[in-house]
Amino acid sequence: MRKLIGRTAKAAVLSLAAAAGVVLAPATAEAADYNSACGSGYREIDHLTLSGYGTVFLTYNGSTGKNCVVTVRDNPGERLYMNALVRLAGSQQWIGDYGDFTSYAGPVYVSAAGRCIDWGGEIETVYLYRQNVHCG
């Protein structure tokens, strides 16, 4: 009986909100999913969670030998500073997409067949990077 009352109460709140034109957002945000921005043939091989902001996705295309990085926000909306970065391990020059974006930064690519890479991303002041990884 308790579940039925809870469902009924929730349905009543949702019905009233819909009638009033109010949008109810969930209490916690959904984590970002890889958005396929790198194109066809790329599959996710790793990701880094930017707690409370989004996810940095590392993808790889076995046909081309290229890695791709995209930083995706949990909650698209107002413009926030973001970046997506990748480079061959040991290189001094990042390949990046930097700026104020509403939903994602990137894609950025590097040809890395037989090499290790450095990669990562940032949203606002939350950032994560990995170095000398995914060798092959």
Protein backbone atom coordinates (compact mmCIF):
# COMPACT_ATOMS: atom_id res chain seq x y z
CA MET A 1 0.00 0.00 0.00
CA ARG A 2 2.84 2.40 0.78
CA LYS A 3 4.23 2.16 -2.77
CA LEU A 4 0.80 2.80 -4.25
CA ILE A 5 0.35 5.94 -2.15
CA GLY A 6 3.84 7.13 -3.11
CA ARG A 7 3.15 6.59 -6.82
CA THR A 8 -0.23 8.30 -6.55
CA ALA A 9 1.28 11.30 -4.80
CA LYS A 10 4.11 11.52 -7.35
CA ALA A 11 1.62 11.28 -10.23
CA ALA A 12 -0.49 14.04 -8.68
CA VAL A 13 2.54 16.35 -8.33
CA LEU A 14 3.61 15.66 -11.91
CA SER A 15 0.07 16.29 -13.19
CA LEU A 16 -0.18 19.60 -11.32
CA ALA A 17 3.27 20.65 -12.52
CA ALA A 18 2.40 19.81 -16.14
CA ALA A 19 -0.88 21.73 -15.89
CA ALA A 20 0.97 24.74 -14.50
CA GLY A 21 3.66 24.54 -17.20
CA VAL A 22 6.41 23.81 -14.67
CA VAL A 23 9.30 21.57 -15.60
CA LEU A 24 10.56 19.43 -12.74
CA ALA A 25 14.23 18.52 -12.95
CA PRO A 26 15.67 15.45 -11.22
CA ALA A 27 17.60 16.06 -8.03
CA THR A 28 20.79 14.59 -9.47
CA ALA A 29 22.13 15.07 -12.96
CA GLU A 30 22.61 12.18 -15.33
CA ALA A 31 26.19 11.47 -16.29
CA ALA A 32 27.14 12.45 -19.82
CA ASP A 33 27.19 9.79 -22.51
CA TYR A 34 29.64 9.69 -25.39
CA ASN A 35 27.96 11.75 -28.10
CA SER A 36 29.58 10.14 -31.20
CA ALA A 37 31.15 13.50 -32.13
CA CYS A 38 34.32 11.78 -33.37
CA GLY A 39 32.43 10.17 -36.23
CA SER A 40 31.76 6.67 -37.45
CA GLY A 41 34.21 3.90 -36.65
CA TYR A 42 35.29 5.40 -33.30
CA ARG A 43 34.62 3.41 -30.15
CA GLU A 44 35.06 4.55 -26.57
CA ILE A 45 38.18 3.07 -24.95
CA ASP A 46 38.41 5.21 -21.81
CA HIS A 47 36.80 8.12 -20.01
CA LEU A 48 37.53 10.54 -17.18
CA THR A 49 34.73 11.85 -14.94
CA LEU A 50 34.85 15.58 -14.21
CA SER A 51 32.80 15.33 -11.04
CA GLY A 52 29.69 17.50 -11.16
CA TYR A 53 30.41 18.79 -14.65
CA GLY A 54 30.80 16.08 -17.28
CA THR A 55 33.02 13.44 -18.85
CA VAL A 56 36.06 13.38 -21.10
CA PHE A 57 35.86 10.52 -23.62
CA LEU A 58 38.80 8.89 -25.38
CA THR A 59 37.88 6.99 -28.52
CA TYR A 60 39.86 5.02 -31.10
CA ASN A 61 39.33 4.09 -34.73
CA GLY A 62 41.14 0.86 -35.58
CA SER A 63 40.85 1.50 -39.33
CA THR A 64 42.63 4.85 -39.22
CA GLY A 65 44.84 4.39 -36.13
CA LYS A 66 43.55 7.70 -34.76
CA ASN A 67 42.52 8.58 -31.23
CA CYS A 68 39.85 11.21 -30.62
CA VAL A 69 38.93 13.15 -27.46
CA VAL A 70 35.62 14.88 -26.65
CA THR A 71 34.63 16.59 -23.38
CA VAL A 72 30.86 16.37 -22.81
CA ARG A 73 28.85 18.27 -20.19
CA ASP A 74 26.36 16.54 -17.90
CA ASN A 75 23.94 19.47 -18.18
CA PRO A 76 24.22 21.49 -21.40
CA GLY A 77 23.17 25.09 -21.03
CA GLU A 78 24.98 28.36 -20.52
CA ARG A 79 28.43 28.70 -22.00
CA LEU A 80 31.26 27.41 -19.77
CA TYR A 81 34.99 27.25 -20.39
CA MET A 82 35.85 23.77 -21.66
CA ASN A 83 38.62 21.97 -23.47
CA ALA A 84 39.43 18.60 -25.00
CA LEU A 85 43.12 17.74 -25.45
CA VAL A 86 45.26 14.99 -26.96
CA ARG A 87 48.90 14.63 -28.07
CA LEU A 88 51.54 12.02 -28.73
CA ALA A 89 53.30 11.21 -25.45
CA GLY A 90 56.45 13.28 -25.13
CA SER A 91 55.25 15.99 -27.49
CA GLN A 92 55.29 19.59 -26.27
CA GLN A 93 52.26 20.58 -28.38
CA TRP A 94 48.68 19.73 -27.38
CA ILE A 95 46.04 19.31 -30.05
CA GLY A 96 43.05 20.98 -28.46
CA ASP A 97 39.69 22.59 -28.70
CA TYR A 98 39.47 25.41 -26.14
CA GLY A 99 36.68 27.88 -25.49
CA ASP A 100 33.28 28.62 -24.02
CA PHE A 101 30.81 25.93 -25.08
CA THR A 102 27.23 24.98 -24.25
CA SER A 103 27.47 21.18 -24.53
CA TYR A 104 30.86 19.79 -25.60
CA ALA A 105 34.45 20.57 -26.61
CA GLY A 106 36.19 18.70 -29.40
CA PRO A 107 36.53 16.48 -31.21
CA VAL A 108 40.32 16.53 -31.43
CA TYR A 109 42.36 13.83 -33.15
CA VAL A 110 45.88 12.41 -33.18
CA SER A 111 47.37 9.60 -35.27
CA ALA A 112 48.94 7.36 -32.66
CA ALA A 113 49.38 3.87 -34.15
CA GLY A 114 52.27 2.24 -32.29
CA ARG A 115 52.63 5.23 -29.91
CA CYS A 116 51.47 6.29 -26.45
CA ILE A 117 49.29 9.34 -25.91
CA ASP A 118 48.51 12.03 -23.36
CA TRP A 119 44.88 13.13 -23.15
CA GLY A 120 42.32 14.90 -20.99
CA GLY A 121 39.91 17.75 -20.65
CA GLU A 122 38.45 20.48 -18.51
CA ILE A 123 35.13 22.09 -17.66
CA GLU A 124 35.43 25.34 -15.70
CA THR A 125 38.05 24.58 -13.02
CA VAL A 126 37.66 20.79 -12.96
CA TYR A 127 40.23 18.98 -15.09
CA LEU A 128 41.83 15.56 -15.50
CA TYR A 129 44.68 14.43 -17.73
CA ARG A 130 46.46 11.12 -18.27
CA GLN A 131 49.98 10.85 -19.65
CA ASN A 132 51.88 8.14 -21.48
CA VAL A 133 48.88 5.79 -21.75
CA HIS A 134 47.03 3.69 -24.32
CA CYS A 135 50.20 2.63 -26.07
CA GLY A 136 49.93 0.62 -29.20
